[in-house]
Structures are given as structure tokens and as C-alpha cells.
Amino acid sequence: MRDHVVQLVQDWGRLAKPTREDYLKGAQMLDHLRRQSGEGGLWSRPPLMMTATLDDGWGHGLDVIESLAAAVGVTISPLGLLQPPATILKACREAQPDLLGLTVLQFDSDDALKEITAALPPITTVVAGGAAFRYDPEFAERTGTHAVARDGAAFLRFLLAYQPIARSTGMTSCHEA
């Protein structure tokens, strides 16, 4: 499975700019390979990823990361579009996800994102993308975001390197895509 993911990311690197359709077709291909092989994905225990948008009413980027993550064996729990921090935090405290995938488009969402990152369970790693991160290089650091995935290929690179935090010890590691 891992080799197929690496190859797909390399193939996307040869394109000028992969489209949303390229990412969704890649997810379909990986999902088919995973199902056909009988493998569970990239991990022996599938990580749980909750997803939401803070300020994106369309969720096109969220669709892409949910599809790619599921294709490589991540269990997805979508919270939906335009979710307030309190809703996201409540869900994360209850489910204790390994990952929280967020789309953030607006620069004025920094306080909401800081509220989330400051109060998440210690085992939850935030991986986010969207215009706020693309056009403000310090946005991730300022908001406490653990990892930024600028596109579908970056998100898969993040997942290739990702190791869930050990639940029994609370050990952490840093991830960048």
C-alpha cells in the first residue's frame, strides 16, 4: 500500500498542478487497491480523523482529504461544514480522535483555531489546509496548528509519515507536510 501511495504522490508531482478530480481519482484508485489487497491501510490500527470546516461553506478541500484519508485506511468521522469551536472540541473530547482535519479559509478565524488547538485532547494532531495557511506563512505557528497540508499530495505525504500518538504514554511527535 505504502509503495502505491508514494508512487501516486510522485505522479502528482510531475503534473503542473493536480486538480480536485486528480485527487479524487487517486483516492478511488488507492481505495480499490486497499480493498483488493485485504490490507487495512498504512497502519495496523486505523487512526480516527474527525473533519470540519470553520469558515468554509462548500467543503471541497475537506472532501478531498476525507477521500484520500479513507483510501489509505483512516477512519473518518465528519463533523460538517461551518462548525463552531465548541462543537469541534466537544466531539474531540468525546471521541479522542488521532487527527483533526480542518479547512480554514479566512484570516480572521485565527482566534477560533487557537481556541481549538489549545483545548484538544493531547493525542489529537491537527492537520489543516486552506487559504489562510497558503497566504499567511505564520498562520499555522500563530494558531498552534500541528501540520499544514497545502494540497492533496502534501496531505498524503503527511499521512505517510504520520504515526499515531501512543495512547498509553501520551508521547507526541511533530509532523510537517
N, C-alpha and C. Protein backbone atom coordinates (compact mmCIF):
# COMPACT_ATOMS: atom_id res chain seq x y z
N MET A 1 0.84 -1.20 0.00
CA MET A 1 0.00 0.00 0.00
C MET A 1 0.87 1.26 0.00
N ARG A 2 1.86 1.24 0.91
CA ARG A 2 2.74 2.40 1.04
C ARG A 2 3.41 2.74 -0.30
N ASP A 3 3.88 1.73 -1.01
CA ASP A 3 4.55 1.98 -2.29
C ASP A 3 3.61 2.63 -3.30
N HIS A 4 2.35 2.21 -3.31
CA HIS A 4 1.37 2.81 -4.22
C HIS A 4 1.11 4.28 -3.87
N VAL A 5 1.06 4.58 -2.59
CA VAL A 5 0.84 5.97 -2.16
C VAL A 5 2.03 6.83 -2.59
N VAL A 6 3.23 6.34 -2.34
CA VAL A 6 4.44 7.07 -2.73
C VAL A 6 4.45 7.32 -4.24
N GLN A 7 4.12 6.29 -5.02
CA GLN A 7 4.10 6.43 -6.48
C GLN A 7 3.07 7.46 -6.92
N LEU A 8 1.90 7.44 -6.30
CA LEU A 8 0.86 8.40 -6.66
C LEU A 8 1.31 9.84 -6.36
N VAL A 9 1.91 10.05 -5.22
CA VAL A 9 2.41 11.38 -4.86
C VAL A 9 3.48 11.83 -5.86
N GLN A 10 4.35 10.91 -6.26
CA GLN A 10 5.37 11.24 -7.27
C GLN A 10 4.72 11.58 -8.61
N ASP A 11 3.70 10.82 -8.99
CA ASP A 11 3.00 11.10 -10.25
C ASP A 11 2.37 12.48 -10.21
N TRP A 12 1.74 12.83 -9.09
CA TRP A 12 1.14 14.16 -8.96
C TRP A 12 2.21 15.24 -9.03
N GLY A 13 3.40 14.95 -8.54
CA GLY A 13 4.49 15.91 -8.59
C GLY A 13 4.91 16.25 -10.00
N ARG A 14 4.67 15.34 -10.92
CA ARG A 14 5.03 15.58 -12.33
C ARG A 14 3.97 16.41 -13.06
N LEU A 15 2.80 16.54 -12.46
CA LEU A 15 1.76 17.39 -13.06
C LEU A 15 2.03 18.84 -12.69
N ALA A 16 1.63 19.76 -13.56
CA ALA A 16 1.81 21.18 -13.25
C ALA A 16 1.07 21.53 -11.96
N LYS A 17 -0.18 21.18 -11.87
CA LYS A 17 -0.98 21.39 -10.67
C LYS A 17 -2.13 20.39 -10.71
N PRO A 18 -2.05 19.34 -9.89
CA PRO A 18 -3.15 18.37 -9.89
C PRO A 18 -4.48 19.04 -9.56
N THR A 19 -5.52 18.56 -10.18
CA THR A 19 -6.86 19.11 -9.95
C THR A 19 -7.56 18.33 -8.84
N ARG A 20 -8.68 18.87 -8.41
CA ARG A 20 -9.51 18.18 -7.42
C ARG A 20 -9.89 16.80 -7.95
N GLU A 21 -10.21 16.72 -9.24
CA GLU A 21 -10.57 15.45 -9.87
C GLU A 21 -9.41 14.47 -9.85
N ASP A 22 -8.17 14.97 -10.06
CA ASP A 22 -6.98 14.11 -9.98
C ASP A 22 -6.88 13.49 -8.59
N TYR A 23 -7.09 14.31 -7.57
CA TYR A 23 -7.00 13.81 -6.19
C TYR A 23 -8.09 12.79 -5.90
N LEU A 24 -9.32 13.06 -6.35
CA LEU A 24 -10.41 12.13 -6.09
C LEU A 24 -10.24 10.81 -6.87
N LYS A 25 -9.72 10.88 -8.10
CA LYS A 25 -9.42 9.66 -8.86
C LYS A 25 -8.31 8.87 -8.17
N GLY A 26 -7.31 9.57 -7.67
CA GLY A 26 -6.24 8.90 -6.93
C GLY A 26 -6.76 8.21 -5.69
N ALA A 27 -7.67 8.86 -4.99
CA ALA A 27 -8.27 8.26 -3.80
C ALA A 27 -9.05 7.00 -4.17
N GLN A 28 -9.80 7.06 -5.26
CA GLN A 28 -10.55 5.87 -5.72
C GLN A 28 -9.60 4.72 -6.04
N MET A 29 -8.50 5.03 -6.71
CA MET A 29 -7.53 4.00 -7.06
C MET A 29 -6.91 3.38 -5.81
N LEU A 30 -6.51 4.22 -4.86
CA LEU A 30 -5.92 3.70 -3.62
C LEU A 30 -6.93 2.88 -2.82
N ASP A 31 -8.16 3.34 -2.77
CA ASP A 31 -9.20 2.61 -2.05
C ASP A 31 -9.42 1.23 -2.69
N HIS A 32 -9.45 1.20 -4.01
CA HIS A 32 -9.61 -0.06 -4.72
C HIS A 32 -8.44 -1.01 -4.40
N LEU A 33 -7.23 -0.50 -4.45
CA LEU A 33 -6.05 -1.32 -4.15
C LEU A 33 -6.07 -1.84 -2.71
N ARG A 34 -6.47 -0.97 -1.79
CA ARG A 34 -6.53 -1.37 -0.37
C ARG A 34 -7.55 -2.49 -0.18
N ARG A 35 -8.71 -2.32 -0.77
CA ARG A 35 -9.77 -3.34 -0.64
C ARG A 35 -9.36 -4.65 -1.33
N GLN A 36 -8.76 -4.52 -2.48
CA GLN A 36 -8.35 -5.70 -3.25
C GLN A 36 -7.27 -6.49 -2.52
N SER A 37 -6.35 -5.79 -1.87
CA SER A 37 -5.24 -6.45 -1.19
C SER A 37 -5.66 -7.04 0.16
N GLY A 38 -6.76 -6.55 0.70
CA GLY A 38 -7.19 -7.01 2.01
C GLY A 38 -6.44 -6.34 3.15
N GLU A 39 -5.55 -5.41 2.82
CA GLU A 39 -4.83 -4.66 3.85
C GLU A 39 -5.76 -3.63 4.48
N GLY A 40 -5.48 -3.30 5.73
CA GLY A 40 -6.28 -2.29 6.39
C GLY A 40 -5.86 -0.88 6.05
N GLY A 41 -4.69 -0.73 5.47
CA GLY A 41 -4.19 0.60 5.15
C GLY A 41 -2.75 0.75 5.59
N LEU A 42 -2.36 1.98 5.88
CA LEU A 42 -0.97 2.27 6.24
C LEU A 42 -0.61 1.93 7.68
N TRP A 43 -1.60 1.64 8.52
CA TRP A 43 -1.35 1.40 9.94
C TRP A 43 -1.99 0.09 10.38
N SER A 44 -1.43 -0.52 11.40
CA SER A 44 -2.05 -1.75 11.93
C SER A 44 -3.35 -1.42 12.65
N ARG A 45 -3.40 -0.28 13.31
CA ARG A 45 -4.63 0.21 13.94
C ARG A 45 -5.02 1.48 13.20
N PRO A 46 -6.15 1.45 12.49
CA PRO A 46 -6.53 2.65 11.73
C PRO A 46 -6.74 3.86 12.62
N PRO A 47 -6.08 4.97 12.31
CA PRO A 47 -6.33 6.18 13.09
C PRO A 47 -7.73 6.73 12.82
N LEU A 48 -8.27 7.43 13.79
CA LEU A 48 -9.56 8.11 13.66
C LEU A 48 -9.30 9.57 13.36
N MET A 49 -9.93 10.09 12.30
CA MET A 49 -9.80 11.50 11.96
C MET A 49 -11.19 12.13 11.93
N MET A 50 -11.38 13.15 12.75
CA MET A 50 -12.58 13.99 12.66
C MET A 50 -12.26 15.11 11.69
N THR A 51 -13.26 15.55 10.95
CA THR A 51 -13.05 16.63 9.99
C THR A 51 -14.14 17.68 10.14
N ALA A 52 -13.76 18.92 9.84
CA ALA A 52 -14.71 20.02 9.90
C ALA A 52 -14.13 21.21 9.16
N THR A 53 -15.01 22.17 8.87
CA THR A 53 -14.56 23.47 8.40
C THR A 53 -14.99 24.50 9.44
N LEU A 54 -14.15 25.51 9.60
CA LEU A 54 -14.51 26.62 10.48
C LEU A 54 -15.29 27.69 9.73
N ASP A 55 -14.88 27.94 8.49
CA ASP A 55 -15.43 29.09 7.76
C ASP A 55 -15.62 28.81 6.27
N ASP A 56 -15.72 27.55 5.92
CA ASP A 56 -15.85 27.14 4.53
C ASP A 56 -17.21 26.46 4.35
N GLY A 57 -18.09 27.10 3.61
CA GLY A 57 -19.43 26.57 3.41
C GLY A 57 -19.55 25.56 2.28
N TRP A 58 -18.48 25.36 1.51
CA TRP A 58 -18.52 24.41 0.40
C TRP A 58 -17.88 23.08 0.76
N GLY A 59 -16.72 23.10 1.39
CA GLY A 59 -16.07 21.87 1.83
C GLY A 59 -15.40 21.05 0.75
N HIS A 60 -15.02 21.66 -0.37
CA HIS A 60 -14.39 20.89 -1.44
C HIS A 60 -13.05 20.31 -1.01
N GLY A 61 -12.25 21.08 -0.29
CA GLY A 61 -10.98 20.57 0.20
C GLY A 61 -11.17 19.46 1.22
N LEU A 62 -12.18 19.61 2.04
CA LEU A 62 -12.49 18.59 3.05
C LEU A 62 -12.87 17.27 2.37
N ASP A 63 -13.64 17.35 1.29
CA ASP A 63 -14.00 16.14 0.53
C ASP A 63 -12.74 15.42 0.05
N VAL A 64 -11.77 16.18 -0.41
CA VAL A 64 -10.53 15.59 -0.92
C VAL A 64 -9.78 14.89 0.20
N ILE A 65 -9.56 15.56 1.34
CA ILE A 65 -8.78 14.91 2.40
C ILE A 65 -9.53 13.73 3.02
N GLU A 66 -10.85 13.83 3.11
CA GLU A 66 -11.61 12.69 3.62
C GLU A 66 -11.47 11.49 2.69
N SER A 67 -11.55 11.72 1.39
CA SER A 67 -11.42 10.63 0.42
C SER A 67 -10.02 10.02 0.44
N LEU A 68 -9.00 10.86 0.45
CA LEU A 68 -7.63 10.36 0.48
C LEU A 68 -7.34 9.61 1.79
N ALA A 69 -7.78 10.16 2.90
CA ALA A 69 -7.54 9.52 4.19
C ALA A 69 -8.23 8.16 4.27
N ALA A 70 -9.49 8.10 3.88
CA ALA A 70 -10.22 6.84 3.92
C ALA A 70 -9.55 5.81 3.00
N ALA A 71 -9.05 6.26 1.86
CA ALA A 71 -8.42 5.35 0.90
C ALA A 71 -7.19 4.66 1.45
N VAL A 72 -6.50 5.31 2.39
CA VAL A 72 -5.29 4.70 2.97
C VAL A 72 -5.55 4.11 4.35
N GLY A 73 -6.82 4.02 4.74
CA GLY A 73 -7.17 3.29 5.95
C GLY A 73 -7.52 4.10 7.18
N VAL A 74 -7.68 5.42 7.04
CA VAL A 74 -8.08 6.26 8.17
C VAL A 74 -9.60 6.14 8.35
N THR A 75 -10.05 6.01 9.57
CA THR A 75 -11.48 6.03 9.86
C THR A 75 -11.90 7.49 9.95
N ILE A 76 -12.92 7.86 9.18
CA ILE A 76 -13.34 9.26 9.09
C ILE A 76 -14.63 9.48 9.88
N SER A 77 -14.63 10.56 10.65
CA SER A 77 -15.83 10.99 11.37
C SER A 77 -16.07 12.46 11.05
N PRO A 78 -16.90 12.73 10.02
CA PRO A 78 -17.13 14.12 9.62
C PRO A 78 -18.07 14.86 10.57
N LEU A 79 -17.63 16.04 10.98
CA LEU A 79 -18.46 16.90 11.83
C LEU A 79 -19.29 17.86 10.99
N GLY A 80 -18.83 18.17 9.78
CA GLY A 80 -19.60 19.02 8.89
C GLY A 80 -18.96 20.36 8.62
N LEU A 81 -19.71 21.17 7.90
CA LEU A 81 -19.24 22.49 7.48
C LEU A 81 -19.61 23.55 8.50
N LEU A 82 -18.80 24.60 8.55
CA LEU A 82 -19.07 25.79 9.36
C LEU A 82 -19.34 25.45 10.83
N GLN A 83 -18.46 24.65 11.40
CA GLN A 83 -18.64 24.22 12.78
C GLN A 83 -17.96 25.20 13.75
N PRO A 84 -18.63 25.56 14.83
CA PRO A 84 -18.01 26.43 15.83
C PRO A 84 -17.01 25.65 16.68
N PRO A 85 -16.04 26.33 17.26
CA PRO A 85 -15.04 25.65 18.09
C PRO A 85 -15.65 24.77 19.19
N ALA A 86 -16.70 25.23 19.85
CA ALA A 86 -17.30 24.45 20.94
C ALA A 86 -17.78 23.10 20.44
N THR A 87 -18.37 23.03 19.26
CA THR A 87 -18.86 21.77 18.70
C THR A 87 -17.69 20.84 18.38
N ILE A 88 -16.65 21.39 17.78
CA ILE A 88 -15.47 20.60 17.43
C ILE A 88 -14.80 20.06 18.69
N LEU A 89 -14.63 20.91 19.69
CA LEU A 89 -13.97 20.48 20.92
C LEU A 89 -14.78 19.43 21.67
N LYS A 90 -16.08 19.60 21.73
CA LYS A 90 -16.92 18.63 22.42
C LYS A 90 -16.78 17.25 21.74
N ALA A 91 -16.85 17.23 20.42
CA ALA A 91 -16.73 15.98 19.68
C ALA A 91 -15.35 15.35 19.88
N CYS A 92 -14.31 16.16 19.89
CA CYS A 92 -12.95 15.64 20.07
C CYS A 92 -12.73 15.12 21.49
N ARG A 93 -13.28 15.78 22.46
CA ARG A 93 -13.15 15.29 23.84
C ARG A 93 -13.87 13.95 24.00
N GLU A 94 -15.01 13.81 23.35
CA GLU A 94 -15.78 12.56 23.47
C GLU A 94 -15.12 11.41 22.69
N ALA A 95 -14.69 11.66 21.47
CA ALA A 95 -14.18 10.58 20.61
C ALA A 95 -12.67 10.37 20.72
N GLN A 96 -11.92 11.38 21.21
CA GLN A 96 -10.46 11.28 21.32
C GLN A 96 -9.83 10.87 19.98
N PRO A 97 -10.07 11.63 18.91
CA PRO A 97 -9.51 11.23 17.61
C PRO A 97 -8.00 11.40 17.57
N ASP A 98 -7.38 10.63 16.70
CA ASP A 98 -5.94 10.77 16.47
C ASP A 98 -5.65 12.04 15.70
N LEU A 99 -6.53 12.36 14.77
CA LEU A 99 -6.35 13.51 13.88
C LEU A 99 -7.60 14.37 13.85
N LEU A 100 -7.39 15.66 13.69
CA LEU A 100 -8.47 16.59 13.42
C LEU A 100 -8.10 17.30 12.13
N GLY A 101 -8.86 17.06 11.07
CA GLY A 101 -8.63 17.71 9.78
C GLY A 101 -9.55 18.91 9.65
N LEU A 102 -8.96 20.08 9.42
CA LEU A 102 -9.73 21.32 9.33
C LEU A 102 -9.43 22.07 8.04
N THR A 103 -10.44 22.73 7.52
CA THR A 103 -10.26 23.70 6.45
C THR A 103 -10.51 25.08 7.05
N VAL A 104 -9.55 25.98 6.81
CA VAL A 104 -9.66 27.35 7.30
C VAL A 104 -9.35 28.29 6.14
N LEU A 105 -10.34 29.08 5.76
CA LEU A 105 -10.16 29.98 4.62
C LEU A 105 -9.85 31.41 5.03
N GLN A 106 -10.47 31.88 6.08
CA GLN A 106 -10.40 33.29 6.45
C GLN A 106 -9.34 33.55 7.52
N PHE A 107 -8.61 34.64 7.35
CA PHE A 107 -7.58 35.02 8.31
C PHE A 107 -8.16 35.36 9.67
N ASP A 108 -9.40 35.83 9.70
CA ASP A 108 -9.99 36.21 10.98
C ASP A 108 -10.51 35.00 11.77
N SER A 109 -10.22 33.80 11.29
CA SER A 109 -10.57 32.58 12.02
C SER A 109 -9.46 32.16 12.99
N ASP A 110 -8.42 32.98 13.10
CA ASP A 110 -7.29 32.57 13.94
C ASP A 110 -7.66 32.39 15.41
N ASP A 111 -8.52 33.24 15.96
CA ASP A 111 -8.92 33.07 17.36
C ASP A 111 -9.69 31.77 17.57
N ALA A 112 -10.56 31.43 16.63
CA ALA A 112 -11.32 30.17 16.72
C ALA A 112 -10.38 28.97 16.66
N LEU A 113 -9.39 29.03 15.77
CA LEU A 113 -8.45 27.93 15.66
C LEU A 113 -7.57 27.83 16.90
N LYS A 114 -7.13 28.95 17.44
CA LYS A 114 -6.35 28.93 18.68
C LYS A 114 -7.15 28.31 19.82
N GLU A 115 -8.43 28.64 19.89
CA GLU A 115 -9.30 28.06 20.93
C GLU A 115 -9.33 26.54 20.81
N ILE A 116 -9.40 26.05 19.58
CA ILE A 116 -9.44 24.60 19.35
C ILE A 116 -8.11 23.96 19.71
N THR A 117 -7.01 24.47 19.17
CA THR A 117 -5.72 23.83 19.39
C THR A 117 -5.30 23.87 20.86
N ALA A 118 -5.73 24.88 21.59
CA ALA A 118 -5.36 24.99 23.00
C ALA A 118 -6.10 23.99 23.88
N ALA A 119 -7.24 23.49 23.43
CA ALA A 119 -8.08 22.66 24.31
C ALA A 119 -8.30 21.24 23.79
N LEU A 120 -7.59 20.85 22.76
CA LEU A 120 -7.75 19.50 22.21
C LEU A 120 -7.18 18.44 23.14
N PRO A 121 -7.68 17.21 23.05
CA PRO A 121 -7.02 16.12 23.79
C PRO A 121 -5.56 16.01 23.34
N PRO A 122 -4.66 15.65 24.23
CA PRO A 122 -3.24 15.60 23.88
C PRO A 122 -2.89 14.61 22.77
N ILE A 123 -3.73 13.62 22.53
CA ILE A 123 -3.43 12.64 21.47
C ILE A 123 -3.85 13.13 20.09
N THR A 124 -4.55 14.24 19.99
CA THR A 124 -5.09 14.70 18.72
C THR A 124 -4.13 15.65 18.02
N THR A 125 -3.77 15.30 16.79
CA THR A 125 -2.91 16.11 15.94
C THR A 125 -3.79 16.86 14.95
N VAL A 126 -3.61 18.17 14.87
CA VAL A 126 -4.37 18.99 13.92
C VAL A 126 -3.60 19.06 12.61
N VAL A 127 -4.26 18.67 11.52
CA VAL A 127 -3.72 18.85 10.18
C VAL A 127 -4.76 19.70 9.44
N ALA A 128 -4.30 20.81 8.90
CA ALA A 128 -5.23 21.78 8.32
C ALA A 128 -4.72 22.29 6.99
N GLY A 129 -5.65 22.85 6.25
CA GLY A 129 -5.31 23.47 4.98
C GLY A 129 -6.32 24.57 4.68
N GLY A 130 -6.07 25.26 3.60
CA GLY A 130 -6.96 26.34 3.19
C GLY A 130 -6.19 27.62 2.95
N ALA A 131 -6.91 28.59 2.44
CA ALA A 131 -6.29 29.86 2.03
C ALA A 131 -5.57 30.58 3.16
N ALA A 132 -6.08 30.49 4.37
CA ALA A 132 -5.43 31.20 5.49
C ALA A 132 -3.99 30.73 5.66
N PHE A 133 -3.73 29.46 5.43
CA PHE A 133 -2.38 28.92 5.57
C PHE A 133 -1.54 29.22 4.33
N ARG A 134 -2.17 29.23 3.18
CA ARG A 134 -1.45 29.46 1.94
C ARG A 134 -0.92 30.90 1.86
N TYR A 135 -1.73 31.86 2.30
CA TYR A 135 -1.36 33.27 2.12
C TYR A 135 -0.77 33.93 3.35
N ASP A 136 -0.73 33.21 4.47
CA ASP A 136 -0.12 33.75 5.69
C ASP A 136 0.82 32.69 6.25
N PRO A 137 2.12 32.78 5.92
CA PRO A 137 3.07 31.75 6.32
C PRO A 137 3.17 31.51 7.84
N GLU A 138 2.82 32.50 8.64
CA GLU A 138 2.90 32.34 10.09
C GLU A 138 1.58 31.88 10.73
N PHE A 139 0.54 31.70 9.93
CA PHE A 139 -0.78 31.36 10.46
C PHE A 139 -0.74 30.07 11.29
N ALA A 140 -0.07 29.05 10.78
CA ALA A 140 -0.01 27.76 11.49
C ALA A 140 0.67 27.90 12.84
N GLU A 141 1.82 28.56 12.86
CA GLU A 141 2.54 28.73 14.12
C GLU A 141 1.74 29.58 15.11
N ARG A 142 1.15 30.64 14.61
CA ARG A 142 0.38 31.55 15.47
C ARG A 142 -0.84 30.86 16.08
N THR A 143 -1.42 29.90 15.37
CA THR A 143 -2.64 29.25 15.85
C THR A 143 -2.40 27.90 16.52
N GLY A 144 -1.16 27.45 16.57
CA GLY A 144 -0.87 26.17 17.20
C GLY A 144 -1.23 24.96 16.35
N THR A 145 -1.34 25.16 15.04
CA THR A 145 -1.67 24.06 14.13
C THR A 145 -0.44 23.16 13.98
N HIS A 146 -0.63 21.86 14.17
CA HIS A 146 0.49 20.92 14.15
C HIS A 146 1.07 20.69 12.76
N ALA A 147 0.21 20.57 11.75
CA ALA A 147 0.67 20.28 10.39
C ALA A 147 -0.24 20.98 9.40
N VAL A 148 0.36 21.42 8.29
CA VAL A 148 -0.39 22.07 7.22
C VAL A 148 -0.21 21.24 5.96
N ALA A 149 -1.32 20.92 5.32
CA ALA A 149 -1.31 20.23 4.04
C ALA A 149 -1.84 21.21 3.00
N ARG A 150 -0.96 21.70 2.17
CA ARG A 150 -1.32 22.73 1.19
C ARG A 150 -2.13 22.17 0.02
N ASP A 151 -2.07 20.85 -0.19
CA ASP A 151 -2.83 20.21 -1.26
C ASP A 151 -2.93 18.72 -0.95
N GLY A 152 -3.55 17.97 -1.87
CA GLY A 152 -3.75 16.54 -1.65
C GLY A 152 -2.46 15.76 -1.55
N ALA A 153 -1.47 16.12 -2.36
CA ALA A 153 -0.18 15.43 -2.30
C ALA A 153 0.51 15.67 -0.95
N ALA A 154 0.47 16.90 -0.47
CA ALA A 154 1.06 17.21 0.83
C ALA A 154 0.34 16.46 1.95
N PHE A 155 -0.98 16.31 1.82
CA PHE A 155 -1.73 15.57 2.82
C PHE A 155 -1.31 14.10 2.83
N LEU A 156 -1.14 13.50 1.66
CA LEU A 156 -0.68 12.11 1.62
C LEU A 156 0.75 11.97 2.15
N ARG A 157 1.61 12.95 1.87
CA ARG A 157 2.97 12.91 2.44
C ARG A 157 2.89 12.96 3.97
N PHE A 158 2.00 13.79 4.49
CA PHE A 158 1.79 13.85 5.94
C PHE A 158 1.36 12.47 6.46
N LEU A 159 0.39 11.85 5.81
CA LEU A 159 -0.10 10.54 6.26
C LEU A 159 0.97 9.46 6.16
N LEU A 160 1.81 9.52 5.13
CA LEU A 160 2.90 8.55 5.01
C LEU A 160 3.85 8.62 6.21
N ALA A 161 4.07 9.81 6.72
CA ALA A 161 4.98 10.00 7.85
C ALA A 161 4.29 9.87 9.21
N TYR A 162 2.97 9.94 9.23
CA TYR A 162 2.22 10.01 10.48
C TYR A 162 2.26 8.71 11.26
N GLN A 163 2.55 8.82 12.54
CA GLN A 163 2.43 7.73 13.48
C GLN A 163 1.54 8.21 14.61
N PRO A 164 0.41 7.52 14.84
CA PRO A 164 -0.48 7.96 15.93
C PRO A 164 0.26 8.04 17.26
N ILE A 165 -0.14 8.99 18.07
CA ILE A 165 0.44 9.16 19.40
C ILE A 165 0.02 7.97 20.24
N ALA A 166 0.98 7.40 20.93
CA ALA A 166 0.68 6.24 21.78
C ALA A 166 -0.31 6.66 22.86
N ARG A 167 -1.43 6.00 22.89
CA ARG A 167 -2.49 6.36 23.83
C ARG A 167 -2.11 6.08 25.27
N SER A 168 -1.32 5.06 25.51
CA SER A 168 -0.99 4.72 26.90
C SER A 168 0.07 5.64 27.50
N THR A 169 0.95 6.22 26.67
CA THR A 169 2.03 7.03 27.22
C THR A 169 1.85 8.51 26.97
N GLY A 170 0.99 8.88 26.02
CA GLY A 170 0.80 10.29 25.71
C GLY A 170 1.99 10.88 24.96
N MET A 171 2.85 10.03 24.39
CA MET A 171 4.02 10.52 23.67
C MET A 171 3.58 11.30 22.45
N THR A 172 4.34 12.30 22.08
CA THR A 172 4.00 13.13 20.93
C THR A 172 5.15 13.15 19.94
N SER A 173 4.81 13.53 18.73
CA SER A 173 5.81 13.75 17.71
C SER A 173 5.32 14.88 16.81
N CYS A 174 6.25 15.50 16.11
CA CYS A 174 5.91 16.64 15.25
C CYS A 174 5.81 16.18 13.81
N HIS A 175 4.87 16.72 13.07
CA HIS A 175 4.65 16.34 11.68
C HIS A 175 4.57 17.58 10.82
N GLU A 176 5.22 17.53 9.66
CA GLU A 176 5.06 18.60 8.67
C GLU A 176 4.90 17.97 7.32
N ALA A 177 4.02 18.53 6.53
CA ALA A 177 3.82 18.03 5.18
C ALA A 177 4.24 19.08 4.19
